């Protein structure tokens, strides 16, 4: 069975993988890799901000007829199949762990910008919830 929103799940996986790789390289090596890491972190953060807002505005439109809560929208609690929730919340968890681990190794460098990246995972989860989540009627 194909889950709806596979492109969102794929983007979450790829973003998490790229971020993790860049974070490890940024911790281990200085110089141009850290600058590239900063660009990746800022890019994912901005993409997360955009998807977060898109999810919010889509949910506002749906909230006229459906009972949408923040926990359901952004954390997929009770509105998504377990397999989807596990994948998107798993990617978000990995982003949080990698971000804080990398920032703790190099706290006063551009590597500390990794803490911005989990907004990406949260935004994609919200986008999935706003598009495909099953919410009760209002």
C-alpha atoms as a PDB file:
ATOM      1  CA  UNK A   1       0.000   0.000   0.000  1.00  0.00           C
ATOM      2  CA  UNK A   2       1.357   3.399  -0.970  1.00  0.00           C
ATOM      3  CA  UNK A   3       1.134   6.044   1.706  1.00  0.00           C
ATOM      4  CA  UNK A   4      -0.051   9.489   0.733  1.00  0.00           C
ATOM      5  CA  UNK A   5       2.558  12.216   0.853  1.00  0.00           C
ATOM      6  CA  UNK A   6       5.489  10.015  -0.157  1.00  0.00           C
ATOM      7  CA  UNK A   7       7.299  13.051  -1.589  1.00  0.00           C
ATOM      8  CA  UNK A   8       7.155  14.732   1.820  1.00  0.00           C
ATOM      9  CA  UNK A   9       8.516  11.603   3.500  1.00  0.00           C
ATOM     10  CA  UNK A  10      11.251  11.315   0.854  1.00  0.00           C
ATOM     11  CA  UNK A  11      12.226  14.967   1.326  1.00  0.00           C
ATOM     12  CA  UNK A  12      12.417  14.384   5.072  1.00  0.00           C
ATOM     13  CA  UNK A  13      14.702  11.396   4.618  1.00  0.00           C
ATOM     14  CA  UNK A  14      16.977  13.096   2.108  1.00  0.00           C
ATOM     15  CA  UNK A  15      17.169  16.303   4.133  1.00  0.00           C
ATOM     16  CA  UNK A  16      18.003  14.369   7.282  1.00  0.00           C
ATOM     17  CA  UNK A  17      20.658  12.304   5.515  1.00  0.00           C
ATOM     18  CA  UNK A  18      22.290  15.337   3.887  1.00  0.00           C
ATOM     19  CA  UNK A  19      22.167  17.288   7.127  1.00  0.00           C
ATOM     20  CA  UNK A  20      23.691  14.434   9.128  1.00  0.00           C
ATOM     21  CA  UNK A  21      26.505  13.979   6.650  1.00  0.00           C
ATOM     22  CA  UNK A  22      27.236  17.716   6.546  1.00  0.00           C
ATOM     23  CA  UNK A  23      27.094  18.006  10.347  1.00  0.00           C
ATOM     24  CA  UNK A  24      29.623  15.187  10.784  1.00  0.00           C
ATOM     25  CA  UNK A  25      31.951  16.725   8.200  1.00  0.00           C
ATOM     26  CA  UNK A  26      31.572  20.165   9.807  1.00  0.00           C
ATOM     27  CA  UNK A  27      32.512  18.796  13.214  1.00  0.00           C
ATOM     28  CA  UNK A  28      35.528  16.914  11.885  1.00  0.00           C
ATOM     29  CA  UNK A  29      36.921  19.459   9.427  1.00  0.00           C
ATOM     30  CA  UNK A  30      37.227  23.242   9.488  1.00  0.00           C
ATOM     31  CA  UNK A  31      37.447  25.669   6.602  1.00  0.00           C
ATOM     32  CA  UNK A  32      35.236  25.539   3.514  1.00  0.00           C
ATOM     33  CA  UNK A  33      33.305  22.515   4.760  1.00  0.00           C
ATOM     34  CA  UNK A  34      32.038  24.510   7.724  1.00  0.00           C
ATOM     35  CA  UNK A  35      30.922  27.302   5.412  1.00  0.00           C
ATOM     36  CA  UNK A  36      29.099  24.757   3.253  1.00  0.00           C
ATOM     37  CA  UNK A  37      27.615  23.244   6.403  1.00  0.00           C
ATOM     38  CA  UNK A  38      26.325  26.659   7.442  1.00  0.00           C
ATOM     39  CA  UNK A  39      24.660  27.074   4.030  1.00  0.00           C
ATOM     40  CA  UNK A  40      23.037  23.640   4.324  1.00  0.00           C
ATOM     41  CA  UNK A  41      21.800  24.434   7.838  1.00  0.00           C
ATOM     42  CA  UNK A  42      20.375  27.794   6.804  1.00  0.00           C
ATOM     43  CA  UNK A  43      18.805  26.319   3.674  1.00  0.00           C
ATOM     44  CA  UNK A  44      17.062  23.571   5.632  1.00  0.00           C
ATOM     45  CA  UNK A  45      15.978  26.066   8.278  1.00  0.00           C
ATOM     46  CA  UNK A  46      14.448  28.372   5.667  1.00  0.00           C
ATOM     47  CA  UNK A  47      12.760  25.447   3.904  1.00  0.00           C
ATOM     48  CA  UNK A  48      11.388  24.393   7.288  1.00  0.00           C
ATOM     49  CA  UNK A  49      10.043  27.879   7.966  1.00  0.00           C
ATOM     50  CA  UNK A  50       8.270  27.947   4.605  1.00  0.00           C
ATOM     51  CA  UNK A  51       6.755  24.465   5.017  1.00  0.00           C
ATOM     52  CA  UNK A  52       5.764  25.263   8.609  1.00  0.00           C
ATOM     53  CA  UNK A  53       3.834  28.331   7.430  1.00  0.00           C
ATOM     54  CA  UNK A  54       2.309  26.492   4.459  1.00  0.00           C
ATOM     55  CA  UNK A  55       1.109  23.798   6.841  1.00  0.00           C
ATOM     56  CA  UNK A  56      -0.328  26.383   9.204  1.00  0.00           C
ATOM     57  CA  UNK A  57      -2.276  28.232   6.502  1.00  0.00           C
ATOM     58  CA  UNK A  58      -3.581  24.999   4.985  1.00  0.00           C
ATOM     59  CA  UNK A  59      -4.673  23.841   8.442  1.00  0.00           C
ATOM     60  CA  UNK A  60      -6.447  27.152   9.081  1.00  0.00           C
ATOM     61  CA  UNK A  61      -8.511  26.517   5.967  1.00  0.00           C
ATOM     62  CA  UNK A  62      -9.335  22.969   7.058  1.00  0.00           C
ATOM     63  CA  UNK A  63     -10.135  24.033  10.613  1.00  0.00           C
ATOM     64  CA  UNK A  64     -13.470  25.470   9.513  1.00  0.00           C
ATOM     65  CA  UNK A  65     -14.840  21.956   9.164  1.00  0.00           C
ATOM     66  CA  UNK A  66     -12.315  19.798  11.048  1.00  0.00           C
ATOM     67  CA  UNK A  67     -11.023  19.835  14.613  1.00  0.00           C
ATOM     68  CA  UNK A  68      -7.267  20.330  14.134  1.00  0.00           C
ATOM     69  CA  UNK A  69      -4.910  20.523  17.105  1.00  0.00           C
ATOM     70  CA  UNK A  70      -1.239  21.444  17.170  1.00  0.00           C
ATOM     71  CA  UNK A  71      -0.235  17.984  18.419  1.00  0.00           C
ATOM     72  CA  UNK A  72      -2.026  16.356  15.516  1.00  0.00           C
ATOM     73  CA  UNK A  73      -0.862  18.843  12.931  1.00  0.00           C
ATOM     74  CA  UNK A  74       2.864  19.055  13.692  1.00  0.00           C
ATOM     75  CA  UNK A  75       3.462  15.841  15.655  1.00  0.00           C
ATOM     76  CA  UNK A  76       0.919  13.720  13.749  1.00  0.00           C
ATOM     77  CA  UNK A  77      -0.656  12.474  16.984  1.00  0.00           C
ATOM     78  CA  UNK A  78      -3.798  10.552  16.112  1.00  0.00           C
ATOM     79  CA  UNK A  79      -4.087  11.839  12.551  1.00  0.00           C
ATOM     80  CA  UNK A  80      -1.512   9.790  10.616  1.00  0.00           C
ATOM     81  CA  UNK A  81      -0.868   6.085  10.095  1.00  0.00           C
ATOM     82  CA  UNK A  82       1.803   4.716  12.445  1.00  0.00           C
ATOM     83  CA  UNK A  83       4.226   4.051   9.604  1.00  0.00           C
ATOM     84  CA  UNK A  84       4.063   7.682   8.425  1.00  0.00           C
ATOM     85  CA  UNK A  85       4.279   9.071  11.956  1.00  0.00           C
ATOM     86  CA  UNK A  86       7.245   6.832  12.742  1.00  0.00           C
ATOM     87  CA  UNK A  87       9.127   7.949   9.619  1.00  0.00           C
ATOM     88  CA  UNK A  88       8.542  11.680   9.997  1.00  0.00           C
ATOM     89  CA  UNK A  89       8.975  11.811  13.775  1.00  0.00           C
ATOM     90  CA  UNK A  90      12.010   9.524  13.459  1.00  0.00           C
ATOM     91  CA  UNK A  91      13.622  11.944  11.006  1.00  0.00           C
ATOM     92  CA  UNK A  92      12.815  14.846  13.337  1.00  0.00           C
ATOM     93  CA  UNK A  93      14.344  12.957  16.285  1.00  0.00           C
ATOM     94  CA  UNK A  94      17.508  12.250  14.328  1.00  0.00           C
ATOM     95  CA  UNK A  95      17.743  15.919  13.341  1.00  0.00           C
ATOM     96  CA  UNK A  96      17.424  16.988  16.981  1.00  0.00           C
ATOM     97  CA  UNK A  97      20.045  14.486  18.185  1.00  0.00           C
ATOM     98  CA  UNK A  98      22.528  15.304  15.423  1.00  0.00           C
ATOM     99  CA  UNK A  99      21.995  19.050  15.852  1.00  0.00           C
ATOM    100  CA  UNK A 100      22.629  19.139  19.576  1.00  0.00           C
ATOM    101  CA  UNK A 101      25.493  16.645  19.397  1.00  0.00           C
ATOM    102  CA  UNK A 102      27.258  18.600  16.648  1.00  0.00           C
ATOM    103  CA  UNK A 103      26.662  21.935  18.390  1.00  0.00           C
ATOM    104  CA  UNK A 104      28.028  20.550  21.653  1.00  0.00           C
ATOM    105  CA  UNK A 105      31.264  19.463  19.936  1.00  0.00           C
ATOM    106  CA  UNK A 106      31.844  22.867  18.280  1.00  0.00           C
ATOM    107  CA  UNK A 107      29.730  25.331  20.297  1.00  0.00           C
ATOM    108  CA  UNK A 108      31.264  28.666  19.302  1.00  0.00           C
ATOM    109  CA  UNK A 109      31.579  28.010  15.579  1.00  0.00           C
ATOM    110  CA  UNK A 110      29.215  27.951  12.608  1.00  0.00           C
ATOM    111  CA  UNK A 111      28.514  24.315  13.509  1.00  0.00           C
ATOM    112  CA  UNK A 112      26.243  25.599  16.281  1.00  0.00           C
ATOM    113  CA  UNK A 113      23.790  26.627  13.550  1.00  0.00           C
ATOM    114  CA  UNK A 114      22.798  22.955  13.355  1.00  0.00           C
ATOM    115  CA  UNK A 115      20.259  23.612  16.119  1.00  0.00           C
ATOM    116  CA  UNK A 116      18.118  25.455  13.547  1.00  0.00           C
ATOM    117  CA  UNK A 117      17.626  22.421  11.312  1.00  0.00           C
ATOM    118  CA  UNK A 118      14.900  20.535  13.243  1.00  0.00           C
ATOM    119  CA  UNK A 119      12.471  23.226  12.056  1.00  0.00           C
ATOM    120  CA  UNK A 120      12.787  21.431   8.699  1.00  0.00           C
ATOM    121  CA  UNK A 121      11.516  18.142  10.115  1.00  0.00           C
ATOM    122  CA  UNK A 122       8.749  19.853  12.055  1.00  0.00           C
ATOM    123  CA  UNK A 123       7.644  21.804   8.979  1.00  0.00           C
ATOM    124  CA  UNK A 124       7.498  18.679   6.805  1.00  0.00           C
ATOM    125  CA  UNK A 125       5.516  16.800   9.447  1.00  0.00           C
ATOM    126  CA  UNK A 126       3.100  19.715   9.603  1.00  0.00           C
ATOM    127  CA  UNK A 127       2.848  19.809   5.835  1.00  0.00           C
ATOM    128  CA  UNK A 128       1.992  16.101   5.775  1.00  0.00           C
ATOM    129  CA  UNK A 129      -0.575  16.578   8.543  1.00  0.00           C
ATOM    130  CA  UNK A 130      -2.201  19.562   6.878  1.00  0.00           C
ATOM    131  CA  UNK A 131      -2.482  17.763   3.540  1.00  0.00           C
ATOM    132  CA  UNK A 132      -3.182  14.163   4.486  1.00  0.00           C
ATOM    133  CA  UNK A 133      -4.052  14.040   8.201  1.00  0.00           C
ATOM    134  CA  UNK A 134      -7.357  12.609   9.351  1.00  0.00           C
ATOM    135  CA  UNK A 135      -8.963  14.960  11.850  1.00  0.00           C
ATOM    136  CA  UNK A 136     -12.373  14.669  13.432  1.00  0.00           C
ATOM    137  CA  UNK A 137     -15.254  16.875  12.370  1.00  0.00           C
ATOM    138  CA  UNK A 138     -15.786  20.189  14.115  1.00  0.00           C
END
